C-alpha atoms as a PDB file:
ATOM      1  CA  MET A   1      16.147  -0.488 -19.107  1.00  0.00           C
ATOM      2  CA  ALA A   2      18.771  -1.786 -16.706  1.00  0.00           C
ATOM      3  CA  GLU A   3      18.647  -5.446 -15.702  1.00  0.00           C
ATOM      4  CA  ASN A   4      17.714  -4.774 -12.096  1.00  0.00           C
ATOM      5  CA  GLU A   5      14.934  -2.245 -12.788  1.00  0.00           C
ATOM      6  CA  SER A   6      11.230  -2.952 -12.480  1.00  0.00           C
ATOM      7  CA  ILE A   7       8.314  -1.305 -14.192  1.00  0.00           C
ATOM      8  CA  LEU A   8       5.950   0.288 -11.664  1.00  0.00           C
ATOM      9  CA  VAL A   9       2.268  -0.109 -12.513  1.00  0.00           C
ATOM     10  CA  THR A  10       0.003   2.066 -10.398  1.00  0.00           C
ATOM     11  CA  GLY A  11      -3.583   0.964  -9.895  1.00  0.00           C
ATOM     12  CA  ALA A  12      -2.526  -2.555 -10.811  1.00  0.00           C
ATOM     13  CA  ALA A  13      -5.453  -4.225  -9.046  1.00  0.00           C
ATOM     14  CA  GLY A  14      -8.003  -1.633 -10.086  1.00  0.00           C
ATOM     15  CA  GLN A  15     -11.569  -2.480 -10.955  1.00  0.00           C
ATOM     16  CA  LEU A  16     -12.372   0.397 -13.294  1.00  0.00           C
ATOM     17  CA  GLY A  17     -11.814  -1.175 -16.683  1.00  0.00           C
ATOM     18  CA  ALA A  18      -9.090  -3.406 -15.238  1.00  0.00           C
ATOM     19  CA  VAL A  19      -6.510  -1.410 -17.218  1.00  0.00           C
ATOM     20  CA  GLY A  20      -3.809  -1.791 -14.564  1.00  0.00           C
ATOM     21  CA  ARG A  21      -4.357  -5.544 -14.326  1.00  0.00           C
ATOM     22  CA  THR A  22      -4.289  -5.860 -18.117  1.00  0.00           C
ATOM     23  CA  VAL A  23      -1.065  -3.863 -18.416  1.00  0.00           C
ATOM     24  CA  THR A  24       0.540  -5.871 -15.601  1.00  0.00           C
ATOM     25  CA  GLY A  25      -0.440  -9.138 -17.283  1.00  0.00           C
ATOM     26  CA  LEU A  26       0.906  -8.045 -20.666  1.00  0.00           C
ATOM     27  CA  LEU A  27       4.233  -6.972 -19.160  1.00  0.00           C
ATOM     28  CA  LEU A  28       4.580 -10.218 -17.216  1.00  0.00           C
ATOM     29  CA  GLU A  29       3.773 -12.247 -20.350  1.00  0.00           C
ATOM     30  CA  ARG A  30       6.747 -10.560 -21.999  1.00  0.00           C
ATOM     31  CA  GLY A  31       8.970 -11.569 -19.097  1.00  0.00           C
ATOM     32  CA  LEU A  32       9.460  -8.030 -17.814  1.00  0.00           C
ATOM     33  CA  PRO A  33       9.884  -7.343 -14.084  1.00  0.00           C
ATOM     34  CA  VAL A  34       6.798  -5.630 -12.698  1.00  0.00           C
ATOM     35  CA  ARG A  35       6.204  -3.923  -9.373  1.00  0.00           C
ATOM     36  CA  ALA A  36       2.452  -3.539  -8.875  1.00  0.00           C
ATOM     37  CA  MET A  37       1.117  -0.785  -6.635  1.00  0.00           C
ATOM     38  CA  VAL A  38      -2.144  -1.708  -4.910  1.00  0.00           C
ATOM     39  CA  ARG A  39      -4.239   0.106  -2.317  1.00  0.00           C
ATOM     40  CA  ARG A  40      -5.442  -2.995  -0.492  1.00  0.00           C
ATOM     41  CA  GLU A  41      -4.061  -6.428   0.292  1.00  0.00           C
ATOM     42  CA  ASP A  42      -6.912  -8.497  -1.115  1.00  0.00           C
ATOM     43  CA  ASP A  43      -7.537 -11.334  -3.572  1.00  0.00           C
ATOM     44  CA  ARG A  44      -6.588  -9.125  -6.521  1.00  0.00           C
ATOM     45  CA  ALA A  45      -3.225  -8.240  -4.948  1.00  0.00           C
ATOM     46  CA  ALA A  46      -2.613 -11.917  -4.193  1.00  0.00           C
ATOM     47  CA  ALA A  47      -3.414 -12.804  -7.816  1.00  0.00           C
ATOM     48  CA  LEU A  48      -0.885 -10.232  -9.044  1.00  0.00           C
ATOM     49  CA  ARG A  49       1.792 -11.755  -6.814  1.00  0.00           C
ATOM     50  CA  ALA A  50       0.862 -15.262  -7.949  1.00  0.00           C
ATOM     51  CA  ALA A  51       1.248 -14.108 -11.571  1.00  0.00           C
ATOM     52  CA  GLY A  52       4.802 -12.979 -10.832  1.00  0.00           C
ATOM     53  CA  SER A  53       4.637  -9.313  -9.927  1.00  0.00           C
ATOM     54  CA  ALA A  54       6.095  -7.822  -6.787  1.00  0.00           C
ATOM     55  CA  SER A  55       3.001  -6.105  -5.427  1.00  0.00           C
ATOM     56  CA  ARG A  56       3.247  -3.443  -2.760  1.00  0.00           C
ATOM     57  CA  ARG A  57       0.488  -1.761  -0.819  1.00  0.00           C
ATOM     58  CA  SER A  58       0.634   2.029  -1.006  1.00  0.00           C
ATOM     59  CA  ARG A  59      -1.502   5.024  -1.826  1.00  0.00           C
ATOM     60  CA  GLY A  60       1.501   6.452  -3.670  1.00  0.00           C
ATOM     61  CA  CYS A  61       0.321   9.932  -2.846  1.00  0.00           C
ATOM     62  CA  CYS A  62       3.674  11.529  -2.080  1.00  0.00           C
ATOM     63  CA  PRO A  63       7.101  11.401  -3.728  1.00  0.00           C
ATOM     64  CA  SER A  64       8.669   9.585  -0.770  1.00  0.00           C
ATOM     65  CA  CYS A  65       5.995   6.846  -0.974  1.00  0.00           C
ATOM     66  CA  ARG A  66       6.680   6.332  -4.673  1.00  0.00           C
ATOM     67  CA  HIS A  67      10.437   6.314  -4.034  1.00  0.00           C
ATOM     68  CA  ARG A  68      10.025   3.552  -1.419  1.00  0.00           C
ATOM     69  CA  LEU A  69       7.954   1.546  -3.902  1.00  0.00           C
ATOM     70  CA  LEU A  70      10.640   1.776  -6.551  1.00  0.00           C
ATOM     71  CA  THR A  71      13.590   1.057  -4.300  1.00  0.00           C
ATOM     72  CA  ALA A  72      12.160  -1.654  -1.996  1.00  0.00           C
ATOM     73  CA  ALA A  73      13.701  -5.065  -2.395  1.00  0.00           C
END
């Protein structure tokens, strides 16, 4: 992985099993750069940002949406 690349975690603030939040937390604990995709700007998204991820709101339903998520500064 290149130095300036982030790992995109979709469903990062999800409630169903909290898999996305768990994965995001594990990656951040290892010092890896994480970009968290969330559907809503809420307390869960704020907690992801506070933990160190770059969270972005998006449905991620189309290729251009996912591209913007990966390339946004």
